[in-house]
Structures are given as C-alpha cells and as structure tokens.
C-alpha cells in the first residue's frame, strides 16, 4: 500500500498497536492541525506500507512497540 503526503510541511505519525496493526495519520506541520489522513492497517490484510513524503519540512513520529512482521 502506498500513502502519499503533499509537498507542504506535514507531520506523519506511525503508531504500532499491540495487535501489530499500524495507524498512520498525516496532519499539516503548521500548528496543531487535525489530521487530514488517518487509516489503520491490519497485519492480516496489509503486508507493507510505504509513505512518500514528497518534500516540504516534514517530520515523522513513531510510537508503539518495536517489531512487526
């Protein structure tokens, strides 16, 4: 699965759940904007997720346990 951000400043959050799911959110990097993209990927349905940042002053935040399949 490919997820594309924009060329604007953004914050991408990768949150791994205890069930090995991955929730990805993308919000504007300016202020505390609400995410404009939010999706939870389940390990039984999705093997790989690629996030394309596209430029801009982006930041990635990773939370949750390490690992994964």
PDB file of N, CA and C in Angstrom:
ATOM      1  N   UNK A   1       0.855  -1.170   0.000  1.00  0.00           N
ATOM      2  CA  UNK A   1       0.000   0.000   0.000  1.00  0.00           C
ATOM      3  C   UNK A   1       0.899   1.229   0.000  1.00  0.00           C
ATOM      4  N   UNK A   2       0.615   2.169  -0.848  1.00  0.00           N
ATOM      5  CA  UNK A   2       1.342   3.432  -0.922  1.00  0.00           C
ATOM      6  C   UNK A   2       0.478   4.553  -0.341  1.00  0.00           C
ATOM      7  N   UNK A   3       1.073   5.368   0.517  1.00  0.00           N
ATOM      8  CA  UNK A   3       0.417   6.540   1.091  1.00  0.00           C
ATOM      9  C   UNK A   3       1.244   7.746   0.676  1.00  0.00           C
ATOM     10  N   UNK A   4       0.591   8.737   0.067  1.00  0.00           N
ATOM     11  CA  UNK A   4       1.297   9.927  -0.430  1.00  0.00           C
ATOM     12  C   UNK A   4       0.906  11.157   0.374  1.00  0.00           C
ATOM     13  N   UNK A   5       1.920  11.848   0.892  1.00  0.00           N
ATOM     14  CA  UNK A   5       1.715  13.133   1.549  1.00  0.00           C
ATOM     15  C   UNK A   5       1.766  14.213   0.458  1.00  0.00           C
ATOM     16  N   UNK A   6       1.878  15.465   0.849  1.00  0.00           N
ATOM     17  CA  UNK A   6       1.940  16.559  -0.123  1.00  0.00           C
ATOM     18  C   UNK A   6       3.330  17.192  -0.066  1.00  0.00           C
ATOM     19  N   UNK A   7       3.522  18.254  -0.824  1.00  0.00           N
ATOM     20  CA  UNK A   7       4.805  18.953  -0.778  1.00  0.00           C
ATOM     21  C   UNK A   7       4.797  20.081   0.253  1.00  0.00           C
ATOM     22  N   UNK A   8       3.775  20.108   1.109  1.00  0.00           N
ATOM     23  CA  UNK A   8       3.680  21.080   2.195  1.00  0.00           C
ATOM     24  C   UNK A   8       4.287  20.485   3.473  1.00  0.00           C
ATOM     25  N   UNK A   9       4.619  21.317   4.486  1.00  0.00           N
ATOM     26  CA  UNK A   9       5.119  20.791   5.759  1.00  0.00           C
ATOM     27  C   UNK A   9       4.048  19.928   6.432  1.00  0.00           C
ATOM     28  N   UNK A  10       4.436  18.707   6.825  1.00  0.00           N
ATOM     29  CA  UNK A  10       3.473  17.791   7.441  1.00  0.00           C
ATOM     30  C   UNK A  10       4.124  16.994   8.565  1.00  0.00           C
ATOM     31  N   UNK A  11       3.264  16.467   9.440  1.00  0.00           N
ATOM     32  CA  UNK A  11       3.679  15.549  10.488  1.00  0.00           C
ATOM     33  C   UNK A  11       2.998  14.220  10.211  1.00  0.00           C
ATOM     34  N   UNK A  12       3.804  13.181  10.036  1.00  0.00           N
ATOM     35  CA  UNK A  12       3.288  11.832   9.814  1.00  0.00           C
ATOM     36  C   UNK A  12       3.510  11.050  11.098  1.00  0.00           C
ATOM     37  N   UNK A  13       2.448  10.454  11.620  1.00  0.00           N
ATOM     38  CA  UNK A  13       2.553   9.638  12.827  1.00  0.00           C
ATOM     39  C   UNK A  13       2.313   8.188  12.460  1.00  0.00           C
ATOM     40  N   UNK A  14       3.267   7.329  12.837  1.00  0.00           N
ATOM     41  CA  UNK A  14       3.174   5.886  12.633  1.00  0.00           C
ATOM     42  C   UNK A  14       3.006   5.268  14.013  1.00  0.00           C
ATOM     43  N   UNK A  15       1.824   4.748  14.303  1.00  0.00           N
ATOM     44  CA  UNK A  15       1.528   4.211  15.627  1.00  0.00           C
ATOM     45  C   UNK A  15       1.250   2.715  15.524  1.00  0.00           C
ATOM     46  N   UNK A  16       2.190   1.910  16.022  1.00  0.00           N
ATOM     47  CA  UNK A  16       2.015   0.455  16.005  1.00  0.00           C
ATOM     48  C   UNK A  16       1.198   0.050  17.226  1.00  0.00           C
ATOM     49  N   UNK A  17       0.185  -0.783  16.999  1.00  0.00           N
ATOM     50  CA  UNK A  17      -0.652  -1.277  18.081  1.00  0.00           C
ATOM     51  C   UNK A  17      -0.110  -2.579  18.649  1.00  0.00           C
ATOM     52  N   UNK A  18      -0.625  -2.963  19.802  1.00  0.00           N
ATOM     53  CA  UNK A  18      -0.221  -4.216  20.443  1.00  0.00           C
ATOM     54  C   UNK A  18      -0.592  -5.423  19.578  1.00  0.00           C
ATOM     55  N   UNK A  19      -1.597  -5.271  18.711  1.00  0.00           N
ATOM     56  CA  UNK A  19      -2.023  -6.352  17.810  1.00  0.00           C
ATOM     57  C   UNK A  19      -1.244  -6.352  16.496  1.00  0.00           C
ATOM     58  N   UNK A  20      -0.155  -5.571  16.430  1.00  0.00           N
ATOM     59  CA  UNK A  20       0.712  -5.435  15.256  1.00  0.00           C
ATOM     60  C   UNK A  20       0.060  -4.634  14.131  1.00  0.00           C
ATOM     61  N   UNK A  21      -1.051  -3.956  14.418  1.00  0.00           N
ATOM     62  CA  UNK A  21      -1.645  -3.064  13.426  1.00  0.00           C
ATOM     63  C   UNK A  21      -0.802  -1.794  13.352  1.00  0.00           C
ATOM     64  N   UNK A  22      -1.030  -0.996  12.310  1.00  0.00           N
ATOM     65  CA  UNK A  22      -0.313   0.264  12.145  1.00  0.00           C
ATOM     66  C   UNK A  22      -1.326   1.341  11.766  1.00  0.00           C
ATOM     67  N   UNK A  23      -1.418   2.379  12.600  1.00  0.00           N
ATOM     68  CA  UNK A  23      -2.266   3.517  12.263  1.00  0.00           C
ATOM     69  C   UNK A  23      -1.369   4.634  11.771  1.00  0.00           C
ATOM     70  N   UNK A  24      -1.685   5.155  10.607  1.00  0.00           N
ATOM     71  CA  UNK A  24      -0.923   6.245  10.017  1.00  0.00           C
ATOM     72  C   UNK A  24      -1.816   7.470   9.956  1.00  0.00           C
ATOM     73  N   UNK A  25      -1.306   8.583  10.480  1.00  0.00           N
ATOM     74  CA  UNK A  25      -2.009   9.852  10.353  1.00  0.00           C
ATOM     75  C   UNK A  25      -1.068  10.862   9.718  1.00  0.00           C
ATOM     76  N   UNK A  26      -1.645  11.760   8.950  1.00  0.00           N
ATOM     77  CA  UNK A  26      -0.890  12.858   8.340  1.00  0.00           C
ATOM     78  C   UNK A  26      -1.638  14.147   8.640  1.00  0.00           C
ATOM     79  N   UNK A  27      -0.920  15.117   9.206  1.00  0.00           N
ATOM     80  CA  UNK A  27      -1.505  16.411   9.529  1.00  0.00           C
ATOM     81  C   UNK A  27      -0.580  17.510   9.026  1.00  0.00           C
ATOM     82  N   UNK A  28      -1.125  18.680   8.860  1.00  0.00           N
ATOM     83  CA  UNK A  28      -0.311  19.836   8.491  1.00  0.00           C
ATOM     84  C   UNK A  28       0.744  20.053   9.564  1.00  0.00           C
ATOM     85  N   UNK A  29       1.949  20.400   9.152  1.00  0.00           N
ATOM     86  CA  UNK A  29       3.037  20.644  10.088  1.00  0.00           C
ATOM     87  C   UNK A  29       2.997  22.017  10.710  1.00  0.00           C
ATOM     88  N   UNK A  30       2.003  22.792  10.390  1.00  0.00           N
ATOM     89  CA  UNK A  30       1.876  24.152  10.901  1.00  0.00           C
ATOM     90  C   UNK A  30       0.801  24.181  11.975  1.00  0.00           C
ATOM     91  N   UNK A  31       1.199  24.363  13.233  1.00  0.00           N
ATOM     92  CA  UNK A  31       0.246  24.402  14.334  1.00  0.00           C
ATOM     93  C   UNK A  31      -0.199  23.006  14.737  1.00  0.00           C
ATOM     94  N   UNK A  32      -1.316  22.935  15.420  1.00  0.00           N
ATOM     95  CA  UNK A  32      -1.876  21.664  15.884  1.00  0.00           C
ATOM     96  C   UNK A  32      -3.078  21.273  15.036  1.00  0.00           C
ATOM     97  N   UNK A  33      -2.883  21.176  13.758  1.00  0.00           N
ATOM     98  CA  UNK A  33      -3.974  20.873  12.839  1.00  0.00           C
ATOM     99  C   UNK A  33      -4.461  19.429  13.016  1.00  0.00           C
ATOM    100  N   UNK A  34      -5.729  19.224  12.807  1.00  0.00           N
ATOM    101  CA  UNK A  34      -6.293  17.870  12.834  1.00  0.00           C
ATOM    102  C   UNK A  34      -5.775  17.101  11.618  1.00  0.00           C
ATOM    103  N   UNK A  35      -5.573  15.804  11.761  1.00  0.00           N
ATOM    104  CA  UNK A  35      -5.091  15.017  10.619  1.00  0.00           C
ATOM    105  C   UNK A  35      -6.059  15.069   9.438  1.00  0.00           C
ATOM    106  N   UNK A  36      -5.507  15.193   8.252  1.00  0.00           N
ATOM    107  CA  UNK A  36      -6.336  15.131   7.046  1.00  0.00           C
ATOM    108  C   UNK A  36      -6.336  13.724   6.469  1.00  0.00           C
ATOM    109  N   UNK A  37      -5.465  12.849   6.995  1.00  0.00           N
ATOM    110  CA  UNK A  37      -5.444  11.440   6.590  1.00  0.00           C
ATOM    111  C   UNK A  37      -5.282  10.605   7.855  1.00  0.00           C
ATOM    112  N   UNK A  38      -6.108   9.557   7.978  1.00  0.00           N
ATOM    113  CA  UNK A  38      -5.994   8.626   9.095  1.00  0.00           C
ATOM    114  C   UNK A  38      -6.478   7.266   8.607  1.00  0.00           C
ATOM    115  N   UNK A  39      -5.615   6.252   8.772  1.00  0.00           N
ATOM    116  CA  UNK A  39      -6.012   4.904   8.370  1.00  0.00           C
ATOM    117  C   UNK A  39      -5.276   3.885   9.237  1.00  0.00           C
ATOM    118  N   UNK A  40      -5.988   2.843   9.604  1.00  0.00           N
ATOM    119  CA  UNK A  40      -5.413   1.747  10.391  1.00  0.00           C
ATOM    120  C   UNK A  40      -5.254   0.544   9.473  1.00  0.00           C
ATOM    121  N   UNK A  41      -4.043   0.017   9.420  1.00  0.00           N
ATOM    122  CA  UNK A  41      -3.729  -1.139   8.591  1.00  0.00           C
ATOM    123  C   UNK A  41      -3.595  -2.364   9.487  1.00  0.00           C
ATOM    124  N   UNK A  42      -4.306  -3.429   9.141  1.00  0.00           N
ATOM    125  CA  UNK A  42      -4.268  -4.670   9.916  1.00  0.00           C
ATOM    126  C   UNK A  42      -3.256  -5.632   9.306  1.00  0.00           C
ATOM    127  N   UNK A  43      -2.498  -6.341  10.140  1.00  0.00           N
ATOM    128  CA  UNK A  43      -1.436  -7.205   9.613  1.00  0.00           C
ATOM    129  C   UNK A  43      -1.936  -8.355   8.747  1.00  0.00           C
ATOM    130  N   UNK A  44      -3.157  -8.811   8.958  1.00  0.00           N
ATOM    131  CA  UNK A  44      -3.702  -9.892   8.132  1.00  0.00           C
ATOM    132  C   UNK A  44      -4.147  -9.418   6.750  1.00  0.00           C
ATOM    133  N   UNK A  45      -4.281  -8.101   6.591  1.00  0.00           N
ATOM    134  CA  UNK A  45      -4.767  -7.540   5.333  1.00  0.00           C
ATOM    135  C   UNK A  45      -3.686  -6.810   4.533  1.00  0.00           C
ATOM    136  N   UNK A  46      -2.653  -6.298   5.224  1.00  0.00           N
ATOM    137  CA  UNK A  46      -1.637  -5.469   4.570  1.00  0.00           C
ATOM    138  C   UNK A  46      -0.247  -5.921   5.002  1.00  0.00           C
ATOM    139  N   UNK A  47       0.576  -6.295   4.032  1.00  0.00           N
ATOM    140  CA  UNK A  47       1.935  -6.744   4.331  1.00  0.00           C
ATOM    141  C   UNK A  47       2.931  -5.600   4.426  1.00  0.00           C
ATOM    142  N   UNK A  48       2.721  -4.548   3.631  1.00  0.00           N
ATOM    143  CA  UNK A  48       3.710  -3.479   3.544  1.00  0.00           C
ATOM    144  C   UNK A  48       3.011  -2.156   3.283  1.00  0.00           C
ATOM    145  N   UNK A  49       3.497  -1.106   3.943  1.00  0.00           N
ATOM    146  CA  UNK A  49       3.000   0.250   3.715  1.00  0.00           C
ATOM    147  C   UNK A  49       4.202   1.140   3.454  1.00  0.00           C
ATOM    148  N   UNK A  50       4.153   1.898   2.366  1.00  0.00           N
ATOM    149  CA  UNK A  50       5.201   2.859   2.023  1.00  0.00           C
ATOM    150  C   UNK A  50       4.593   4.258   2.091  1.00  0.00           C
ATOM    151  N   UNK A  51       5.287   5.163   2.796  1.00  0.00           N
ATOM    152  CA  UNK A  51       4.820   6.544   2.916  1.00  0.00           C
ATOM    153  C   UNK A  51       5.776   7.436   2.134  1.00  0.00           C
ATOM    154  N   UNK A  52       5.248   8.162   1.176  1.00  0.00           N
ATOM    155  CA  UNK A  52       6.020   9.081   0.339  1.00  0.00           C
ATOM    156  C   UNK A  52       5.764  10.498   0.829  1.00  0.00           C
ATOM    157  N   UNK A  53       6.836  11.161   1.281  1.00  0.00           N
ATOM    158  CA  UNK A  53       6.700  12.473   1.913  1.00  0.00           C
ATOM    159  C   UNK A  53       6.590  13.618   0.903  1.00  0.00           C
ATOM    160  N   UNK A  54       7.170  13.516  -0.263  1.00  0.00           N
ATOM    161  CA  UNK A  54       7.033  14.494  -1.359  1.00  0.00           C
ATOM    162  C   UNK A  54       7.749  15.812  -1.162  1.00  0.00           C
ATOM    163  N   UNK A  55       8.454  16.050  -0.096  1.00  0.00           N
ATOM    164  CA  UNK A  55       9.141  17.328   0.095  1.00  0.00           C
ATOM    165  C   UNK A  55       8.482  18.151   1.176  1.00  0.00           C
ATOM    166  N   UNK A  56       8.956  19.352   1.351  1.00  0.00           N
ATOM    167  CA  UNK A  56       8.456  20.198   2.428  1.00  0.00           C
ATOM    168  C   UNK A  56       9.230  19.913   3.705  1.00  0.00           C
ATOM    169  N   UNK A  57       8.955  20.659   4.749  1.00  0.00           N
ATOM    170  CA  UNK A  57       9.609  20.495   6.043  1.00  0.00           C
ATOM    171  C   UNK A  57       8.805  19.471   6.849  1.00  0.00           C
ATOM    172  N   UNK A  58       9.013  18.180   6.558  1.00  0.00           N
ATOM    173  CA  UNK A  58       8.210  17.105   7.136  1.00  0.00           C
ATOM    174  C   UNK A  58       8.876  16.521   8.375  1.00  0.00           C
ATOM    175  N   UNK A  59       8.044  15.875   9.199  1.00  0.00           N
ATOM    176  CA  UNK A  59       8.527  15.216  10.407  1.00  0.00           C
ATOM    177  C   UNK A  59       7.764  13.911  10.559  1.00  0.00           C
ATOM    178  N   UNK A  60       8.463  12.856  10.992  1.00  0.00           N
ATOM    179  CA  UNK A  60       7.842  11.555  11.228  1.00  0.00           C
ATOM    180  C   UNK A  60       7.963  11.225  12.708  1.00  0.00           C
ATOM    181  N   UNK A  61       6.849  10.804  13.312  1.00  0.00           N
ATOM    182  CA  UNK A  61       6.810  10.416  14.709  1.00  0.00           C
ATOM    183  C   UNK A  61       6.370   8.960  14.763  1.00  0.00           C
ATOM    184  N   UNK A  62       7.156   8.131  15.465  1.00  0.00           N
ATOM    185  CA  UNK A  62       6.836   6.707  15.571  1.00  0.00           C
ATOM    186  C   UNK A  62       6.534   6.383  17.019  1.00  0.00           C
ATOM    187  N   UNK A  63       5.416   5.670  17.264  1.00  0.00           N
ATOM    188  CA  UNK A  63       5.046   5.277  18.610  1.00  0.00           C
ATOM    189  C   UNK A  63       4.687   3.792  18.634  1.00  0.00           C
ATOM    190  N   UNK A  64       4.648   3.242  19.819  1.00  0.00           N
ATOM    191  CA  UNK A  64       4.260   1.843  19.986  1.00  0.00           C
ATOM    192  C   UNK A  64       5.453   0.925  20.048  1.00  0.00           C
ATOM    193  N   UNK A  65       5.180  -0.380  20.229  1.00  0.00           N
ATOM    194  CA  UNK A  65       6.261  -1.351  20.353  1.00  0.00           C
ATOM    195  C   UNK A  65       7.028  -1.512  19.052  1.00  0.00           C
ATOM    196  N   UNK A  66       8.297  -1.863  19.179  1.00  0.00           N
ATOM    197  CA  UNK A  66       9.127  -2.127  18.014  1.00  0.00           C
ATOM    198  C   UNK A  66       8.756  -3.482  17.428  1.00  0.00           C
ATOM    199  N   UNK A  67       9.196  -3.721  16.214  1.00  0.00           N
ATOM    200  CA  UNK A  67       8.968  -5.035  15.611  1.00  0.00           C
ATOM    201  C   UNK A  67       8.008  -4.992  14.463  1.00  0.00           C
ATOM    202  N   UNK A  68       7.323  -6.056  14.287  1.00  0.00           N
ATOM    203  CA  UNK A  68       6.396  -6.202  13.174  1.00  0.00           C
ATOM    204  C   UNK A  68       6.791  -7.427  12.377  1.00  0.00           C
ATOM    205  N   UNK A  69       5.946  -7.770  11.467  1.00  0.00           N
ATOM    206  CA  UNK A  69       6.229  -8.964  10.674  1.00  0.00           C
ATOM    207  C   UNK A  69       7.197  -8.672   9.571  1.00  0.00           C
TER     208      UNK A  69
END
